[in-house]
Amino acid sequence: MTARSLMRIEKGLRWIGAGFVAWTLLSVPVSAEESYQDGVKVETQRLGKIMEACKPAAKKTCADKFVETCSERRRWTTVAMMLCHEAAYRHWDSELNRVYKQVMGRAEGVFKKAVRDAQRKWLAYKDARCGVYGHFEGTMWRPVAVACAADMTLRRVGDLAEIRDVGPLKPAAPAAPPNIIWDTDTTVFLDFNCDGAKDQAIFGLSGKSKTQEGAVGWIDGKTTGLGPQFIFAVPVGGLTQYALCGTDVRLEVVTGEKGACPVLRVDDGKCDALFVHHDAKRGAWVLNRN
């Protein structure tokens, strides 16, 4: 790399994106046909396809292998290593945004504020920690700075995924199984959500005999002319904690604790019964077994 090229790199280096401590080049060509940003875009897309085929437990290994082969393919130049690390950074940054939105979409009150504050402090820490390499002598530290941002972002994705999976969040809305056939003979009446109206609870089935799912639905007593609204799906014959052992299901209303909404008992006559109730404080449906 010539002295003139190094001067152009030095002049072209900048911070990009809110909280993004990775150096990129404004207009330094990677080759006669490709600009730096075009190269990043190409490699980011290539990494995305690799990660789609990568097993969840091996995501970091797949990304590390990509950076190595990408740098080798581009002849291990300083610019090439920066470009490949930035592709990895962009991938993890996209994952970070996706998981953060999932957490914030379900977080509430004081906990939501705590997560937001923690994220802002983490961004500032990432900028400061990786920005230190900007004071080192030599262009070799530029790829190190970008790799630092990528690695820290990957770790933060793991932190947020743990918060999403086990944190005190509002339950995610479950997806309704297709083609539910509601059994009107299972209908029971109760004030499911404690709004003073007489609601209906109903059970239905979806799918074929080997892959059937049971579905619990309700008809809001304040809504007329609408069919059952889906609440929960439970597998039939599965090995999970909430699986049904049979399809001959009976619904029964159980009086809740004082001040609580009624509880719906879902009994297939074979396994322990399931219980469904509406948590008015959280605005969510809750499924329990015993």
Protein backbone atom coordinates (compact mmCIF):
# COMPACT_ATOMS: atom_id res chain seq x y z
CA MET A 1 0.00 0.00 0.00
CA THR A 2 1.55 3.33 -1.06
CA ALA A 3 2.05 6.37 1.15
CA ARG A 4 -0.51 8.23 -0.97
CA SER A 5 -3.06 5.46 -0.38
CA LEU A 6 -2.44 5.55 3.35
CA MET A 7 -2.95 9.31 3.36
CA ARG A 8 -6.26 8.89 1.53
CA ILE A 9 -7.32 6.25 4.05
CA GLU A 10 -6.34 8.48 6.98
CA LYS A 11 -8.31 11.37 5.52
CA GLY A 12 -11.31 9.23 4.70
CA LEU A 13 -11.73 7.58 8.08
CA ARG A 14 -14.81 8.64 10.03
CA TRP A 15 -17.38 7.49 12.61
CA ILE A 16 -20.66 6.42 11.04
CA GLY A 17 -24.13 5.79 12.48
CA ALA A 18 -25.51 6.71 15.89
CA GLY A 19 -23.27 4.96 18.41
CA PHE A 20 -21.39 3.02 15.72
CA VAL A 21 -17.71 2.96 16.56
CA ALA A 22 -16.40 1.40 13.38
CA TRP A 23 -14.17 3.15 10.91
CA THR A 24 -15.13 3.11 7.25
CA LEU A 25 -13.79 4.78 4.15
CA LEU A 26 -15.56 7.59 2.36
CA SER A 27 -14.25 6.96 -1.13
CA VAL A 28 -11.21 4.72 -0.95
CA PRO A 29 -11.45 2.18 -3.79
CA VAL A 30 -11.06 -1.48 -2.92
CA SER A 31 -10.52 -2.26 -6.56
CA ALA A 32 -10.90 -0.45 -9.84
CA GLU A 33 -14.49 -1.68 -10.10
CA GLU A 34 -15.63 -1.56 -6.47
CA SER A 35 -15.85 1.16 -3.83
CA TYR A 36 -15.46 0.38 -0.13
CA GLN A 37 -19.15 0.78 0.66
CA ASP A 38 -20.11 -1.38 -2.34
CA GLY A 39 -17.77 -4.05 -1.03
CA VAL A 40 -19.30 -3.88 2.45
CA LYS A 41 -22.76 -4.23 0.96
CA VAL A 42 -21.77 -7.26 -1.11
CA GLU A 43 -20.08 -9.00 1.82
CA THR A 44 -22.92 -8.19 4.24
CA GLN A 45 -25.37 -9.85 1.86
CA ARG A 46 -23.04 -12.83 1.49
CA LEU A 47 -22.77 -13.19 5.28
CA GLY A 48 -26.55 -12.95 5.62
CA LYS A 49 -27.00 -16.00 3.38
CA ILE A 50 -24.36 -17.91 5.33
CA MET A 51 -26.03 -17.12 8.65
CA GLU A 52 -29.42 -18.27 7.37
CA ALA A 53 -27.96 -21.75 6.87
CA CYS A 54 -25.97 -21.69 10.12
CA LYS A 55 -27.24 -23.49 13.22
CA PRO A 56 -28.19 -21.12 16.09
CA ALA A 57 -25.49 -22.47 18.41
CA ALA A 58 -22.80 -21.95 15.76
CA LYS A 59 -23.60 -18.37 14.70
CA LYS A 60 -20.39 -16.86 16.09
CA THR A 61 -18.26 -19.59 14.55
CA CYS A 62 -19.93 -19.07 11.17
CA ALA A 63 -19.37 -15.30 11.36
CA ASP A 64 -15.72 -15.69 12.41
CA LYS A 65 -15.11 -18.13 9.56
CA PHE A 66 -16.73 -15.70 7.14
CA VAL A 67 -14.41 -12.85 8.21
CA GLU A 68 -11.39 -15.11 7.70
CA THR A 69 -12.41 -16.34 4.25
CA CYS A 70 -13.57 -12.86 3.22
CA SER A 71 -10.21 -11.34 4.20
CA GLU A 72 -8.36 -14.12 2.42
CA ARG A 73 -10.47 -13.69 -0.70
CA ARG A 74 -9.56 -9.99 -0.69
CA ARG A 75 -5.84 -10.68 -0.12
CA TRP A 76 -5.58 -9.65 3.54
CA THR A 77 -5.09 -5.95 2.91
CA THR A 78 -5.89 -3.50 5.72
CA VAL A 79 -8.89 -2.20 3.79
CA ALA A 80 -10.08 -5.74 3.05
CA MET A 81 -9.98 -6.73 6.72
CA MET A 82 -11.86 -3.57 7.67
CA LEU A 83 -14.45 -4.28 5.02
CA CYS A 84 -15.00 -7.89 6.14
CA HIS A 85 -15.21 -6.98 9.82
CA GLU A 86 -17.66 -4.21 9.01
CA ALA A 87 -19.87 -6.70 7.16
CA ALA A 88 -19.92 -8.78 10.35
CA TYR A 89 -20.64 -5.67 12.40
CA ARG A 90 -23.58 -4.72 10.20
CA HIS A 91 -25.01 -8.21 10.51
CA TRP A 92 -24.83 -8.18 14.32
CA ASP A 93 -26.09 -4.61 14.48
CA SER A 94 -29.16 -5.65 12.49
CA GLU A 95 -29.70 -8.57 14.89
CA LEU A 96 -29.25 -6.23 17.84
CA ASN A 97 -31.95 -3.88 16.56
CA ARG A 98 -34.31 -6.78 15.91
CA VAL A 99 -33.94 -8.30 19.40
CA TYR A 100 -34.02 -4.89 21.12
CA LYS A 101 -37.35 -4.11 19.43
CA GLN A 102 -38.71 -7.48 20.60
CA VAL A 103 -37.72 -6.67 24.19
CA MET A 104 -39.02 -3.10 24.16
CA GLY A 105 -42.27 -4.20 22.53
CA ARG A 106 -43.01 -6.38 25.57
CA ALA A 107 -41.28 -4.49 28.40
CA GLU A 108 -43.40 -2.29 30.64
CA GLY A 109 -43.06 0.49 33.19
CA VAL A 110 -39.90 0.75 35.28
CA PHE A 111 -38.35 -2.31 33.65
CA LYS A 112 -38.77 -0.82 30.17
CA LYS A 113 -36.99 2.35 31.30
CA ALA A 114 -34.22 0.27 32.87
CA VAL A 115 -33.62 -1.61 29.61
CA ARG A 116 -33.61 1.63 27.60
CA ASP A 117 -31.13 3.27 30.01
CA ALA A 118 -28.91 0.19 29.97
CA GLN A 119 -28.87 0.17 26.16
CA ARG A 120 -27.85 3.82 25.99
CA LYS A 121 -25.05 3.26 28.49
CA TRP A 122 -23.91 0.18 26.59
CA LEU A 123 -23.74 2.17 23.34
CA ALA A 124 -21.61 4.84 25.04
CA TYR A 125 -19.33 2.15 26.51
CA LYS A 126 -18.95 0.45 23.13
CA ASP A 127 -18.03 3.75 21.50
CA ALA A 128 -15.47 4.54 24.21
CA ARG A 129 -13.94 1.06 24.38
CA CYS A 130 -13.54 0.55 20.64
CA GLY A 131 -12.65 4.21 20.06
CA VAL A 132 -9.45 3.74 22.07
CA TYR A 133 -7.90 1.98 19.07
CA GLY A 134 -8.17 5.25 17.14
CA HIS A 135 -5.26 6.56 19.19
CA PHE A 136 -2.96 3.64 18.35
CA GLU A 137 -0.16 4.07 15.82
CA GLY A 138 -0.47 2.23 12.51
CA THR A 139 -3.28 1.32 10.14
CA MET A 140 -3.38 -2.27 11.44
CA TRP A 141 -5.50 -1.05 14.37
CA ARG A 142 -8.36 0.07 12.15
CA PRO A 143 -9.60 -3.49 11.48
CA VAL A 144 -9.15 -4.16 15.21
CA ALA A 145 -11.50 -1.27 16.01
CA VAL A 146 -14.19 -2.57 13.67
CA ALA A 147 -13.75 -6.11 15.00
CA CYS A 148 -14.15 -4.71 18.52
CA ALA A 149 -17.50 -3.15 17.61
CA ALA A 150 -18.67 -6.37 15.93
CA ASP A 151 -17.67 -8.55 18.89
CA MET A 152 -19.27 -6.28 21.47
CA THR A 153 -22.47 -6.09 19.43
CA LEU A 154 -22.63 -9.87 19.17
CA ARG A 155 -22.31 -10.15 22.95
CA ARG A 156 -25.03 -7.55 23.45
CA VAL A 157 -27.36 -9.51 21.18
CA GLY A 158 -26.92 -12.44 23.58
CA ASP A 159 -27.65 -10.24 26.59
CA LEU A 160 -30.86 -8.88 25.07
CA ALA A 161 -31.95 -12.33 23.89
CA GLU A 162 -31.67 -13.55 27.49
CA ILE A 163 -33.76 -10.60 28.69
CA ARG A 164 -36.33 -11.38 26.00
CA ASP A 165 -36.53 -15.06 26.88
CA VAL A 166 -36.51 -14.99 30.70
CA GLY A 167 -37.08 -11.37 31.71
CA PRO A 168 -40.24 -9.94 33.34
CA LEU A 169 -41.89 -9.14 30.02
CA LYS A 170 -45.47 -9.13 28.84
CA PRO A 171 -46.11 -12.47 27.06
CA ALA A 172 -45.76 -12.38 23.29
CA ALA A 173 -48.99 -12.76 21.38
CA PRO A 174 -49.25 -16.42 20.28
CA ALA A 175 -49.83 -17.29 16.65
CA ALA A 176 -53.12 -18.98 15.89
CA PRO A 177 -52.90 -22.41 14.22
CA PRO A 178 -54.52 -22.56 10.78
CA ASN A 179 -58.06 -23.78 10.08
CA ILE A 180 -59.35 -24.07 13.64
CA ILE A 181 -62.65 -25.97 13.89
CA TRP A 182 -64.41 -24.67 17.00
CA ASP A 183 -66.54 -27.13 18.96
CA THR A 184 -69.65 -25.26 20.13
CA ASP A 185 -70.50 -28.13 22.51
CA THR A 186 -67.54 -27.06 24.67
CA THR A 187 -68.83 -23.49 25.13
CA VAL A 188 -69.03 -22.10 28.67
CA PHE A 189 -70.02 -18.62 29.90
CA LEU A 190 -67.94 -16.43 32.21
CA ASP A 191 -66.72 -12.86 32.63
CA PHE A 192 -63.31 -13.77 31.25
CA ASN A 193 -61.66 -10.34 31.40
CA CYS A 194 -63.55 -8.85 34.35
CA ASP A 195 -65.29 -6.11 32.36
CA GLY A 196 -68.80 -6.96 33.58
CA ALA A 197 -69.93 -8.61 30.33
CA LYS A 198 -70.89 -12.27 29.85
CA ASP A 199 -68.14 -13.76 27.65
CA GLN A 200 -67.90 -17.22 26.11
CA ALA A 201 -64.95 -19.62 26.13
CA ILE A 202 -64.68 -22.33 23.48
CA PHE A 203 -62.32 -25.13 22.46
CA GLY A 204 -61.33 -26.15 18.94
CA LEU A 205 -58.92 -28.34 16.98
CA SER A 206 -56.58 -27.67 14.10
CA GLY A 207 -54.49 -29.90 11.86
CA LYS A 208 -54.39 -33.61 11.08
CA SER A 209 -54.50 -36.43 13.62
CA LYS A 210 -50.71 -36.74 14.01
CA THR A 211 -50.05 -33.00 14.19
CA GLN A 212 -53.20 -31.73 15.85
CA GLU A 213 -53.27 -28.67 18.05
CA GLY A 214 -55.93 -27.72 20.51
CA ALA A 215 -57.03 -24.07 20.59
CA VAL A 216 -58.71 -22.07 23.32
CA GLY A 217 -60.74 -19.07 22.20
CA TRP A 218 -63.16 -16.56 23.65
CA ILE A 219 -66.07 -14.46 22.44
CA ASP A 220 -66.11 -11.04 24.06
CA GLY A 221 -69.50 -10.33 25.60
CA LYS A 222 -69.24 -6.68 24.51
CA THR A 223 -68.67 -7.61 20.89
CA THR A 224 -71.50 -8.84 18.70
CA GLY A 225 -71.35 -10.64 15.38
CA LEU A 226 -67.72 -11.75 15.68
CA GLY A 227 -66.47 -15.31 15.98
CA PRO A 228 -64.09 -16.66 18.65
CA GLN A 229 -60.84 -14.80 19.25
CA PHE A 230 -57.84 -17.09 19.53
CA ILE A 231 -56.05 -17.17 22.92
CA PHE A 232 -53.78 -20.22 23.18
CA ALA A 233 -52.72 -23.25 21.15
CA VAL A 234 -51.60 -26.47 22.83
CA PRO A 235 -50.24 -29.57 21.07
CA VAL A 236 -52.16 -32.82 21.26
CA GLY A 237 -50.14 -35.87 22.29
CA GLY A 238 -46.88 -33.94 22.57
CA LEU A 239 -44.24 -34.20 25.27
CA THR A 240 -44.21 -30.53 26.30
CA GLN A 241 -45.43 -29.34 29.67
CA TYR A 242 -48.64 -27.92 28.19
CA ALA A 243 -49.57 -30.74 25.80
CA LEU A 244 -53.01 -32.35 25.80
CA CYS A 245 -53.24 -36.14 26.06
CA GLY A 246 -56.57 -36.34 24.19
CA THR A 247 -59.05 -34.35 22.15
CA ASP A 248 -62.22 -35.03 24.15
CA VAL A 249 -61.91 -31.74 26.03
CA ARG A 250 -64.29 -30.22 28.56
CA LEU A 251 -64.15 -26.61 29.71
CA GLU A 252 -65.12 -25.60 33.22
CA VAL A 253 -65.25 -22.22 34.98
CA VAL A 254 -63.29 -22.04 38.23
CA THR A 255 -63.78 -19.12 40.61
CA GLY A 256 -60.57 -17.13 40.91
CA GLU A 257 -59.10 -15.56 44.01
CA LYS A 258 -60.88 -12.57 45.50
CA GLY A 259 -60.66 -9.67 43.06
CA ALA A 260 -59.23 -11.87 40.28
CA CYS A 261 -60.88 -12.77 36.99
CA PRO A 262 -62.43 -16.26 36.65
CA VAL A 263 -60.20 -19.14 35.62
CA LEU A 264 -60.98 -21.52 32.75
CA ARG A 265 -60.18 -25.19 33.39
CA VAL A 266 -59.26 -27.19 30.25
CA ASP A 267 -59.58 -30.90 30.98
CA ASP A 268 -59.03 -33.74 28.47
CA GLY A 269 -59.79 -36.44 31.06
CA LYS A 270 -56.35 -38.02 30.70
CA CYS A 271 -53.60 -35.56 31.66
CA ASP A 272 -53.61 -32.98 34.44
CA ALA A 273 -55.89 -30.09 33.53
CA LEU A 274 -54.69 -26.79 32.05
CA PHE A 275 -55.85 -23.46 33.44
CA VAL A 276 -56.31 -20.22 31.50
CA HIS A 277 -56.97 -16.81 32.99
CA HIS A 278 -56.72 -13.17 32.02
CA ASP A 279 -54.18 -11.06 33.91
CA ALA A 280 -55.93 -7.68 33.88
CA LYS A 281 -52.91 -5.83 35.27
CA ARG A 282 -50.64 -7.01 32.47
CA GLY A 283 -53.35 -7.20 29.83
CA ALA A 284 -52.29 -10.73 28.94
CA TRP A 285 -53.61 -14.29 28.91
CA VAL A 286 -51.82 -16.77 31.18
CA LEU A 287 -51.67 -20.56 30.74
CA ASN A 288 -50.73 -22.84 33.63
CA ARG A 289 -50.88 -26.53 34.47
CA ASN A 290 -52.00 -27.12 38.07
